[in-house]
């Protein structure tokens, strides 16, 4: 019987075991699905945890007061003394970027003001960049800053004085 088996199937060393491909494929599919579900679960849990643990505080992005002087660019705009920062366009092309300096930068304004437009900000700390200093009038804590040259870029790091 052993000789007959060898004659039909060949020598034992040449015999191959039945392929395990279907079982292996099933295990790989199960592993990939499990990894995907685990990743989604971890991501969702992190998102929910992050949203519930964030402490609400005072909003650093209070909207700026918008005023339009109707083209009038003389005199001091109302509210200048109480504002941390006030910017008024003396002419078109007053480029303005305002942000709150913090561990995470919060942009409040990134715009170009038309002649006569003014923006007032009351946050305790601000960083402002004026892209064309000749086109803008700037007041910091009620004090008017000197005019700039055409095309000059100026940066203002502003802090409201204590008790103000």
Protein backbone atom coordinates (compact mmCIF):
# COMPACT_ATOMS: atom_id res chain seq x y z
CA UNK A 1 0.00 0.00 0.00
CA UNK A 2 2.89 2.31 0.72
CA UNK A 3 4.39 1.67 -2.72
CA UNK A 4 1.05 2.26 -4.40
CA UNK A 5 0.62 5.55 -2.49
CA UNK A 6 4.10 6.68 -3.54
CA UNK A 7 3.44 5.72 -7.13
CA UNK A 8 0.21 7.73 -7.26
CA UNK A 9 1.29 10.77 -5.23
CA UNK A 10 5.03 10.84 -5.70
CA UNK A 11 7.63 10.77 -2.96
CA UNK A 12 6.70 12.23 0.42
CA UNK A 13 9.24 15.04 0.13
CA UNK A 14 7.59 16.29 -3.08
CA UNK A 15 4.07 16.31 -1.66
CA UNK A 16 2.67 19.70 -0.82
CA UNK A 17 0.31 20.53 1.97
CA UNK A 18 -3.09 21.93 1.09
CA UNK A 19 -2.88 25.71 0.54
CA UNK A 20 -3.96 27.83 3.48
CA UNK A 21 -4.76 30.82 1.26
CA UNK A 22 -8.50 31.12 2.03
CA UNK A 23 -7.87 31.03 5.78
CA UNK A 24 -4.95 33.47 5.52
CA UNK A 25 -7.00 35.91 3.43
CA UNK A 26 -9.82 35.81 5.94
CA UNK A 27 -7.42 36.52 8.82
CA UNK A 28 -5.85 39.46 6.94
CA UNK A 29 -9.27 40.96 6.16
CA UNK A 30 -10.37 40.61 9.79
CA UNK A 31 -7.12 42.22 11.00
CA UNK A 32 -7.47 45.18 8.60
CA UNK A 33 -11.12 45.76 9.50
CA UNK A 34 -10.26 45.60 13.20
CA UNK A 35 -7.40 48.10 12.77
CA UNK A 36 -9.67 50.50 10.85
CA UNK A 37 -12.42 50.32 13.46
CA UNK A 38 -9.88 50.82 16.26
CA UNK A 39 -8.37 53.88 14.52
CA UNK A 40 -11.79 55.44 13.99
CA UNK A 41 -12.73 54.75 17.60
CA UNK A 42 -9.53 56.31 18.94
CA UNK A 43 -9.97 59.36 16.69
CA UNK A 44 -13.60 59.86 17.70
CA UNK A 45 -12.76 59.45 21.39
CA UNK A 46 -9.91 61.99 21.11
CA UNK A 47 -12.19 64.47 19.35
CA UNK A 48 -14.94 64.15 21.94
CA UNK A 49 -12.44 64.33 24.81
CA UNK A 50 -10.80 67.43 23.33
CA UNK A 51 -14.12 69.19 22.82
CA UNK A 52 -15.37 68.50 26.33
CA UNK A 53 -12.12 69.42 28.11
CA UNK A 54 -11.66 72.80 26.41
CA UNK A 55 -12.38 75.51 28.95
CA UNK A 56 -14.48 78.33 27.58
CA UNK A 57 -12.98 81.68 28.33
CA UNK A 58 -13.40 85.22 27.21
CA UNK A 59 -13.42 85.38 23.45
CA UNK A 60 -10.31 87.03 22.05
CA UNK A 61 -12.19 87.63 18.83
CA UNK A 62 -14.70 90.27 19.84
CA UNK A 63 -15.82 91.86 16.61
CA UNK A 64 -14.16 95.13 15.76
CA UNK A 65 -16.28 98.23 15.75
CA UNK A 66 -16.72 99.35 12.16
CA UNK A 67 -17.25 102.98 11.41
CA UNK A 68 -17.35 104.80 8.14
CA UNK A 69 -16.52 108.44 8.35
CA UNK A 70 -18.04 109.13 4.93
CA UNK A 71 -14.64 110.09 3.56
CA UNK A 72 -13.74 112.46 6.37
CA UNK A 73 -10.18 111.84 7.48
CA UNK A 74 -9.55 114.83 9.71
CA UNK A 75 -9.84 114.96 13.47
CA UNK A 76 -9.85 112.15 15.97
CA UNK A 77 -12.43 109.37 15.55
CA UNK A 78 -14.87 108.86 18.43
CA UNK A 79 -13.83 106.25 21.00
CA UNK A 80 -10.12 106.71 20.37
CA UNK A 81 -9.30 107.23 24.06
CA UNK A 82 -10.99 104.01 25.17
CA UNK A 83 -9.74 101.77 22.34
CA UNK A 84 -6.65 99.63 22.62
CA UNK A 85 -6.12 100.10 18.88
CA UNK A 86 -7.88 102.27 16.33
CA UNK A 87 -6.96 102.34 12.65
CA UNK A 88 -8.50 104.75 10.14
CA UNK A 89 -7.86 104.81 6.40
CA UNK A 90 -6.59 108.21 5.33
CA UNK A 91 -6.70 107.01 1.71
CA UNK A 92 -7.59 103.84 -0.18
CA UNK A 93 -5.22 100.89 0.20
CA UNK A 94 -4.86 100.85 3.99
CA UNK A 95 -3.88 97.18 4.44
CA UNK A 96 -4.56 95.91 7.95
CA UNK A 97 -3.84 92.62 9.73
CA UNK A 98 -4.81 92.29 13.42
CA UNK A 99 -4.37 89.23 15.65
CA UNK A 100 -4.42 88.25 19.31
CA UNK A 101 -1.02 86.95 20.42
CA UNK A 102 -1.51 83.72 22.35
CA UNK A 103 -0.25 80.17 22.26
CA UNK A 104 -2.61 79.77 19.31
CA UNK A 105 -2.71 82.79 16.99
CA UNK A 106 -6.22 84.19 16.54
CA UNK A 107 -6.70 86.40 13.48
CA UNK A 108 -9.24 89.17 14.03
CA UNK A 109 -8.87 91.14 10.80
CA UNK A 110 -7.11 90.75 7.48
CA UNK A 111 -8.51 93.40 5.16
CA UNK A 112 -7.88 96.49 3.09
CA UNK A 113 -9.76 99.57 4.27
CA UNK A 114 -11.26 102.14 1.93
CA UNK A 115 -10.74 105.86 2.50
CA UNK A 116 -12.57 107.00 5.65
CA UNK A 117 -13.15 103.49 7.06
CA UNK A 118 -12.07 102.93 10.66
CA UNK A 119 -11.66 99.85 12.86
CA UNK A 120 -11.58 99.91 16.65
CA UNK A 121 -10.27 97.00 18.78
CA UNK A 122 -10.62 96.67 22.56
CA UNK A 123 -8.79 93.41 23.29
CA UNK A 124 -6.16 93.63 26.06
CA UNK A 125 -3.30 92.47 23.79
CA UNK A 126 -3.04 92.80 20.03
CA UNK A 127 -0.55 92.57 17.23
CA UNK A 128 -1.33 94.79 14.26
CA UNK A 129 0.46 95.06 10.94
CA UNK A 130 -0.27 98.01 8.66
CA UNK A 131 0.83 97.28 5.10
CA UNK A 132 0.87 100.87 3.83
CA UNK A 133 1.67 103.20 6.72
CA UNK A 134 1.09 106.32 4.62
CA UNK A 135 -2.53 105.32 3.95
CA UNK A 136 -3.50 104.74 7.60
CA UNK A 137 -3.83 106.74 10.80
CA UNK A 138 -3.12 104.61 13.89
CA UNK A 139 -3.98 105.29 17.54
CA UNK A 140 -2.62 103.01 20.28
CA UNK A 141 -4.24 103.48 23.71
CA UNK A 142 -5.45 106.93 22.64
CA UNK A 143 -2.04 108.08 21.39
CA UNK A 144 -1.69 108.82 17.68
CA UNK A 145 1.31 107.17 16.05
CA UNK A 146 3.44 109.09 13.53
CA UNK A 147 2.57 108.83 9.86
CA UNK A 148 4.59 106.45 7.75
CA UNK A 149 6.06 106.53 4.26
CA UNK A 150 4.14 105.19 1.24
CA UNK A 151 4.42 101.40 1.09
CA UNK A 152 6.07 101.20 4.52
CA UNK A 153 5.02 98.22 6.64
CA UNK A 154 4.63 98.84 10.37
CA UNK A 155 4.03 96.36 13.17
CA UNK A 156 2.41 97.35 16.47
CA UNK A 157 2.48 95.08 19.53
CA UNK A 158 -0.23 96.64 21.66
CA UNK A 159 -1.18 96.06 25.29
CA UNK A 160 -3.89 97.91 27.16
CA UNK A 161 -2.38 99.68 30.18
CA UNK A 162 -3.21 98.31 33.63
CA UNK A 163 -6.43 99.77 34.95
CA UNK A 164 -7.48 100.82 31.44
